[in-house]
Amino acid sequence: MGRVFSDADVEAKFWRDGYVVQPLLDAEEIKGLYDLHQSTTLDVPTDHYATPFSSDALYRETIRQGINAILLSRLRLLMPHYYPCLSSYVVKRGNSSQGGVPIHQDYSMVDFEQHTAVHIWCPLIDVDETNGCLKAVAGSHKFFNHIVAVSGNPAPYGPLRKLLEEEYAVPVPMPAGSAFIFDERLLHCSNENHTDALRIAVGGVMIPEGCTPLLYMWDKDKPEQLTVLEVSVEYLTQFKIGVLIKEPYPQGVKFLKTISNKVVPLTTDDFTSLHPSAAKVADSRDQCSICIDTNIQIANSQTRGKSDLHGSSSLSNKRNRWFNYLIAWLQR
């Protein structure tokens, strides 16, 4: 497997923890992505909603092209040998009651033995535990190579979801325009949005140049095998979440092979190597450094006359909020 990031320090942290948080967008780019969402997405029908939930292929393609037009040049600086195969919005409605996302891994879109798929989550507003920031289990990308099928297949950590969410998943608060960049095998989740505002984020999948996206299919009638399909980027604006793709395969889908799918349930002892308490402290300290760097960039952006989107609090209030949060975590 080749290198992911141009920066060696970022690369090292990514392989250690399974994710990194990086400053990505300026205020103008945040506004551009926000305006694209508002002009194309007339309704958010559920508390948690993502572009791939839509059955409108033209809408999904419009979103893909619009996001890439703004985001791609920024991502290329971080990952020069990767390209986006999927781009979407991920939204939580304000004051949600059914918007929490249980701990999970994202759909598998490469062969883990050969490539690393990198997923992106970039909020367009400041996020913390009050409005559904991501929570991650640091290091879990190295724990098992479970393949996640689009049609839904049992996970080895299924019986332990509650424990993982409550004891191992650590909140990752982020300023607007920063990016949570993670290995698709990373365990992560998010809570409800308890604020009045929509929590809008941009999501995407980056894979190595020359690599064709994959989708894995699991059939409950053949539980010990997975069907591996090569798919085009264009088809990824058409596939339906949770639906088994069967023969005859549509345009943009090619049968590749069938592989074994034996799931061994994990126990609580299997997770002791992840050291959740140590991970929380290390993550909090890393976030402190990230927030300082990001706030400096925000300050520089404001001095160039760029306004803050949605009338968020002043820079000093942001800093106070971040540091109070981090101090509280470090004292736990």
Protein backbone atom coordinates (compact mmCIF):
# COMPACT_ATOMS: atom_id res chain seq x y z
CA MET A 1 0.00 0.00 0.00
CA GLY A 2 1.31 3.41 -0.95
CA ARG A 3 1.58 6.61 0.98
CA VAL A 4 -1.61 8.60 1.63
CA PHE A 5 -0.54 12.09 2.76
CA SER A 6 2.12 14.46 1.47
CA ASP A 7 3.07 15.45 5.04
CA ALA A 8 5.04 12.81 6.95
CA ASP A 9 3.74 13.82 10.40
CA VAL A 10 0.12 13.67 9.23
CA GLU A 11 0.82 10.29 7.63
CA ALA A 12 2.24 8.92 10.88
CA LYS A 13 -0.72 10.09 12.98
CA PHE A 14 -3.18 8.71 10.41
CA TRP A 15 -1.63 5.24 10.56
CA ARG A 16 -1.42 5.38 14.36
CA ASP A 17 -4.96 6.53 15.16
CA GLY A 18 -6.88 5.79 11.96
CA TYR A 19 -7.77 9.44 11.50
CA VAL A 20 -6.45 13.00 11.47
CA VAL A 21 -8.15 16.39 11.73
CA GLN A 22 -6.83 19.01 9.33
CA PRO A 23 -7.76 22.63 8.49
CA LEU A 24 -9.23 22.51 4.99
CA LEU A 25 -11.59 25.32 3.91
CA ASP A 26 -11.66 29.10 4.22
CA ALA A 27 -14.83 31.11 4.89
CA GLU A 28 -15.57 31.69 1.20
CA GLU A 29 -15.36 27.98 0.41
CA ILE A 30 -17.53 27.11 3.40
CA LYS A 31 -20.15 29.56 2.15
CA GLY A 32 -19.94 28.11 -1.36
CA LEU A 33 -20.64 24.60 -0.09
CA TYR A 34 -23.41 25.85 2.21
CA ASP A 35 -25.07 27.73 -0.68
CA LEU A 36 -24.82 24.65 -2.91
CA HIS A 37 -26.62 22.59 -0.30
CA GLN A 38 -29.35 25.17 0.25
CA SER A 39 -29.97 25.65 -3.48
CA THR A 40 -30.17 21.94 -4.32
CA THR A 41 -31.56 20.27 -1.20
CA LEU A 42 -35.09 21.58 -0.77
CA ASP A 43 -36.01 19.17 2.01
CA VAL A 44 -34.25 17.20 4.75
CA PRO A 45 -36.84 14.45 5.26
CA THR A 46 -35.25 12.66 8.23
CA ASP A 47 -33.29 13.65 11.33
CA HIS A 48 -30.14 12.18 9.78
CA TYR A 49 -29.92 12.49 6.00
CA ALA A 50 -27.19 11.99 3.40
CA THR A 51 -27.18 12.62 -0.34
CA PRO A 52 -26.93 8.87 -1.22
CA PHE A 53 -30.29 8.33 0.48
CA SER A 54 -31.91 10.11 -2.49
CA SER A 55 -33.16 8.11 -5.48
CA ASP A 56 -32.63 11.14 -7.78
CA ALA A 57 -29.43 10.33 -9.73
CA LEU A 58 -29.30 13.78 -11.35
CA TYR A 59 -29.46 15.47 -7.95
CA ARG A 60 -26.70 13.23 -6.62
CA GLU A 61 -24.51 13.92 -9.67
CA THR A 62 -25.06 17.67 -9.30
CA ILE A 63 -23.97 17.45 -5.67
CA ARG A 64 -20.91 15.37 -6.59
CA GLN A 65 -19.72 17.82 -9.22
CA GLY A 66 -20.45 20.89 -7.10
CA ILE A 67 -18.60 19.60 -4.04
CA ASN A 68 -15.61 18.43 -6.09
CA ALA A 69 -15.33 21.82 -7.78
CA ILE A 70 -14.70 23.42 -4.39
CA LEU A 71 -13.06 20.64 -2.40
CA LEU A 72 -10.82 18.77 -4.82
CA SER A 73 -7.94 21.25 -5.08
CA ARG A 74 -7.71 21.42 -1.26
CA LEU A 75 -7.74 17.65 -0.87
CA ARG A 76 -5.11 17.22 -3.58
CA LEU A 77 -2.68 19.27 -1.49
CA LEU A 78 -3.10 16.81 1.38
CA MET A 79 -3.38 13.62 -0.68
CA PRO A 80 -1.79 14.22 -4.10
CA HIS A 81 -2.21 10.63 -5.34
CA TYR A 82 -5.86 10.17 -4.39
CA TYR A 83 -9.10 11.07 -6.17
CA PRO A 84 -12.74 11.34 -4.98
CA CYS A 85 -15.08 8.53 -6.01
CA LEU A 86 -18.01 9.69 -3.86
CA SER A 87 -19.02 13.15 -2.63
CA SER A 88 -22.15 14.03 -0.66
CA TYR A 89 -23.74 16.04 2.12
CA VAL A 90 -24.44 14.55 5.55
CA VAL A 91 -27.02 16.49 7.56
CA LYS A 92 -28.64 16.35 10.99
CA ARG A 93 -31.82 18.31 11.59
CA GLY A 94 -31.96 20.65 14.56
CA ASN A 95 -33.37 19.24 17.82
CA SER A 96 -33.24 15.74 16.39
CA SER A 97 -34.57 12.72 18.24
CA GLN A 98 -33.71 10.03 15.67
CA GLY A 99 -30.53 11.50 14.25
CA GLY A 100 -27.96 9.61 16.30
CA VAL A 101 -25.78 7.26 14.27
CA PRO A 102 -24.70 4.03 16.05
CA ILE A 103 -21.07 3.01 16.01
CA HIS A 104 -20.13 1.55 12.65
CA GLN A 105 -17.61 1.36 9.84
CA ASP A 106 -18.37 2.98 6.51
CA TYR A 107 -18.97 0.91 3.39
CA SER A 108 -15.84 -0.87 2.14
CA MET A 109 -14.83 0.53 -1.24
CA VAL A 110 -11.39 -1.02 -1.84
CA ASP A 111 -9.57 -4.28 -1.26
CA PHE A 112 -7.93 -3.72 2.15
CA GLU A 113 -5.06 -6.04 1.22
CA GLN A 114 -4.03 -3.76 -1.65
CA HIS A 115 -5.29 -0.25 -0.99
CA THR A 116 -6.40 2.23 1.67
CA ALA A 117 -9.65 4.15 1.18
CA VAL A 118 -9.79 7.50 2.95
CA HIS A 119 -13.13 8.98 4.01
CA ILE A 120 -13.70 12.70 4.55
CA TRP A 121 -16.13 14.44 6.91
CA CYS A 122 -16.03 18.25 6.83
CA PRO A 123 -18.59 20.25 8.87
CA LEU A 124 -19.75 23.63 7.58
CA ILE A 125 -20.44 24.87 11.10
CA ASP A 126 -18.54 24.44 14.37
CA VAL A 127 -19.35 21.03 15.85
CA ASP A 128 -19.14 19.57 19.34
CA GLU A 129 -21.23 17.17 21.42
CA THR A 130 -24.20 19.54 21.45
CA ASN A 131 -24.84 19.28 17.70
CA GLY A 132 -23.58 15.83 16.73
CA CYS A 133 -19.81 15.93 16.20
CA LEU A 134 -18.16 12.66 15.27
CA LYS A 135 -16.93 10.28 17.95
CA ALA A 136 -14.12 7.88 17.09
CA VAL A 137 -12.40 4.81 18.53
CA ALA A 138 -8.74 5.63 17.92
CA GLY A 139 -6.74 2.72 16.56
CA SER A 140 -9.76 0.59 15.69
CA HIS A 141 -8.83 0.61 11.98
CA LYS A 142 -6.00 -1.81 12.83
CA PHE A 143 -8.10 -4.13 14.94
CA PHE A 144 -9.88 -6.15 12.25
CA ASN A 145 -10.44 -6.07 8.49
CA HIS A 146 -14.19 -6.43 8.54
CA ILE A 147 -15.71 -5.79 5.12
CA VAL A 148 -18.89 -3.71 5.19
CA ALA A 149 -21.35 -4.60 2.44
CA VAL A 150 -23.81 -2.09 0.98
CA SER A 151 -26.61 -4.60 1.39
CA GLY A 152 -25.91 -4.85 5.13
CA ASN A 153 -23.97 -7.73 6.72
CA PRO A 154 -23.43 -8.71 10.37
CA ALA A 155 -20.46 -7.04 12.07
CA PRO A 156 -18.17 -8.80 14.58
CA TYR A 157 -18.62 -5.91 17.04
CA GLY A 158 -22.42 -5.89 16.75
CA PRO A 159 -23.18 -7.11 20.32
CA LEU A 160 -20.66 -4.59 21.72
CA ARG A 161 -21.98 -1.42 20.08
CA LYS A 162 -23.34 0.08 23.28
CA LEU A 163 -20.10 -0.56 25.16
CA LEU A 164 -17.99 0.88 22.33
CA GLU A 165 -20.10 4.02 22.10
CA GLU A 166 -20.13 4.68 25.84
CA GLU A 167 -16.62 3.61 26.85
CA TYR A 168 -14.37 3.80 23.81
CA ALA A 169 -15.68 6.40 21.35
CA VAL A 170 -14.15 9.84 21.99
CA PRO A 171 -15.81 13.08 20.76
CA VAL A 172 -13.85 15.06 18.17
CA PRO A 173 -15.01 18.71 18.29
CA MET A 174 -14.02 20.67 15.18
CA PRO A 175 -14.21 24.22 13.84
CA ALA A 176 -16.17 24.81 10.63
CA GLY A 177 -14.14 24.01 7.53
CA SER A 178 -11.82 21.50 9.16
CA ALA A 179 -11.77 17.90 7.93
CA PHE A 180 -11.97 14.62 9.80
CA ILE A 181 -10.03 12.31 7.47
CA PHE A 182 -10.17 8.63 8.35
CA ASP A 183 -9.47 5.08 7.28
CA GLU A 184 -12.78 3.52 6.24
CA ARG A 185 -12.21 0.72 8.77
CA LEU A 186 -12.33 3.19 11.69
CA LEU A 187 -15.17 2.71 14.19
CA HIS A 188 -17.10 5.96 14.63
CA CYS A 189 -20.53 7.30 15.57
CA SER A 190 -22.38 10.52 16.43
CA ASN A 191 -25.09 11.69 18.83
CA GLU A 192 -28.20 13.81 18.34
CA ASN A 193 -28.17 17.45 17.30
CA HIS A 194 -29.53 19.30 20.35
CA THR A 195 -29.31 22.76 18.77
CA ASP A 196 -31.81 24.60 16.57
CA ALA A 197 -29.51 24.78 13.52
CA LEU A 198 -28.98 22.21 10.77
CA ARG A 199 -25.66 20.43 11.17
CA ILE A 200 -24.43 20.31 7.60
CA ALA A 201 -21.25 18.45 6.70
CA VAL A 202 -19.61 17.42 3.46
CA GLY A 203 -18.71 13.76 3.14
CA GLY A 204 -16.60 11.92 0.62
CA VAL A 205 -14.44 8.93 -0.22
CA MET A 206 -10.93 9.20 -1.68
CA ILE A 207 -9.16 6.22 -3.23
CA PRO A 208 -5.74 5.84 -4.89
CA GLU A 209 -5.30 6.92 -8.49
CA GLY A 210 -5.64 3.95 -10.82
CA CYS A 211 -7.89 2.15 -8.33
CA THR A 212 -11.48 1.29 -9.32
CA PRO A 213 -14.16 1.60 -6.61
CA LEU A 214 -15.64 -1.60 -5.23
CA LEU A 215 -18.97 -2.43 -3.67
CA TYR A 216 -19.47 -5.58 -1.63
CA MET A 217 -22.77 -7.48 -1.61
CA TRP A 218 -24.02 -9.80 1.13
CA ASP A 219 -26.99 -12.09 0.57
CA LYS A 220 -28.68 -13.44 3.71
CA ASP A 221 -29.37 -16.66 1.79
CA LYS A 222 -25.61 -17.11 1.30
CA PRO A 223 -24.30 -15.65 4.58
CA GLU A 224 -20.75 -17.03 4.37
CA GLN A 225 -19.80 -15.28 1.15
CA LEU A 226 -19.55 -11.79 -0.32
CA THR A 227 -19.87 -10.76 -3.95
CA VAL A 228 -17.28 -8.19 -5.02
CA LEU A 229 -18.33 -5.73 -7.72
CA GLU A 230 -16.25 -3.15 -9.58
CA VAL A 231 -18.30 0.00 -10.14
CA SER A 232 -17.85 3.27 -11.99
CA VAL A 233 -17.80 6.64 -10.25
CA GLU A 234 -20.95 7.50 -12.19
CA TYR A 235 -22.75 4.44 -10.82
CA LEU A 236 -22.03 5.61 -7.28
CA THR A 237 -24.56 8.39 -7.85
CA GLN A 238 -27.23 5.74 -8.53
CA PHE A 239 -26.83 2.79 -6.15
CA LYS A 240 -29.39 2.40 -3.36
CA ILE A 241 -28.33 2.20 0.26
CA GLY A 242 -29.03 -1.23 1.76
CA VAL A 243 -30.17 -2.81 -1.52
CA LEU A 244 -28.57 -5.98 -2.90
CA ILE A 245 -27.30 -5.54 -6.49
CA LYS A 246 -28.16 -8.67 -8.45
CA GLU A 247 -27.65 -10.00 -11.95
CA PRO A 248 -28.16 -8.84 -14.61
CA TYR A 249 -25.87 -6.07 -13.43
CA PRO A 250 -26.69 -2.52 -14.53
CA GLN A 251 -24.36 -0.34 -16.59
CA GLY A 252 -21.28 0.67 -14.62
CA VAL A 253 -21.23 -2.56 -12.56
CA LYS A 254 -18.91 -5.51 -13.22
CA PHE A 255 -18.70 -8.79 -11.33
CA LEU A 256 -15.18 -9.31 -9.98
CA LYS A 257 -15.22 -12.34 -7.67
CA THR A 258 -16.82 -14.08 -4.70
CA ILE A 259 -14.98 -14.22 -1.37
CA SER A 260 -15.45 -15.86 2.02
CA ASN A 261 -17.35 -13.99 4.74
CA LYS A 262 -16.88 -15.61 8.12
CA VAL A 263 -17.75 -13.31 11.01
CA VAL A 264 -16.36 -14.16 14.45
CA PRO A 265 -18.11 -12.16 17.20
CA LEU A 266 -15.77 -10.13 19.37
CA THR A 267 -15.77 -10.04 23.16
CA THR A 268 -15.02 -7.19 25.56
CA ASP A 269 -11.55 -8.65 26.16
CA ASP A 270 -10.75 -8.21 22.47
CA PHE A 271 -10.87 -4.43 22.88
CA THR A 272 -8.62 -4.04 25.90
CA SER A 273 -5.61 -3.34 23.67
CA LEU A 274 -7.21 -0.10 22.50
CA HIS A 275 -6.73 1.56 25.94
CA PRO A 276 -9.66 4.01 25.76
CA SER A 277 -8.59 6.21 28.67
CA ALA A 278 -5.14 6.78 27.20
CA ALA A 279 -6.69 7.40 23.79
CA LYS A 280 -8.96 10.09 25.24
CA VAL A 281 -6.06 12.01 26.79
CA ALA A 282 -3.87 11.72 23.68
CA ASP A 283 -6.74 12.79 21.43
CA SER A 284 -7.55 15.77 23.64
CA ARG A 285 -3.95 16.97 23.53
CA ASP A 286 -3.81 16.52 19.75
CA GLN A 287 -7.06 18.44 19.38
CA CYS A 288 -5.61 21.31 21.45
CA SER A 289 -2.76 21.69 18.95
CA ILE A 290 -5.14 21.40 16.01
CA CYS A 291 -7.51 24.02 17.44
CA ILE A 292 -4.68 26.50 17.99
CA ASP A 293 -3.45 26.09 14.42
CA THR A 294 -6.97 26.29 13.02
CA ASN A 295 -7.90 29.37 15.05
CA ILE A 296 -4.79 31.11 13.74
CA GLN A 297 -5.99 30.37 10.22
CA ILE A 298 -9.47 31.65 11.07
CA ALA A 299 -7.94 34.83 12.48
CA ASN A 300 -5.88 35.34 9.31
CA SER A 301 -8.97 34.75 7.21
CA GLN A 302 -10.92 37.37 9.16
CA THR A 303 -8.16 39.95 8.78
CA ARG A 304 -8.53 39.56 5.02
CA GLY A 305 -12.12 40.69 5.38
CA LYS A 306 -13.85 37.31 5.22
CA SER A 307 -16.99 37.14 7.31
CA ASP A 308 -17.96 34.24 9.57
CA LEU A 309 -20.83 32.11 8.22
CA HIS A 310 -24.17 31.92 10.09
CA GLY A 311 -23.21 34.64 12.57
CA SER A 312 -21.15 32.40 14.85
CA SER A 313 -19.41 33.70 17.94
CA SER A 314 -16.30 35.85 17.91
CA LEU A 315 -12.80 34.38 17.66
CA SER A 316 -12.09 34.92 21.35
CA ASN A 317 -15.29 33.14 22.33
CA LYS A 318 -14.38 30.26 20.04
CA ARG A 319 -10.98 29.93 21.66
CA ASN A 320 -12.48 30.02 25.16
CA ARG A 321 -15.04 27.40 24.22
CA TRP A 322 -12.41 25.09 22.74
CA PHE A 323 -9.99 25.41 25.64
CA ASN A 324 -12.71 24.94 28.29
CA TYR A 325 -13.79 21.79 26.51
CA LEU A 326 -10.26 20.44 26.27
CA ILE A 327 -9.41 21.23 29.87
CA ALA A 328 -12.51 19.34 30.96
CA TRP A 329 -11.44 16.31 28.93
CA LEU A 330 -7.90 16.35 30.24
CA GLN A 331 -9.19 16.44 33.83
CA ARG A 332 -11.36 13.36 33.39
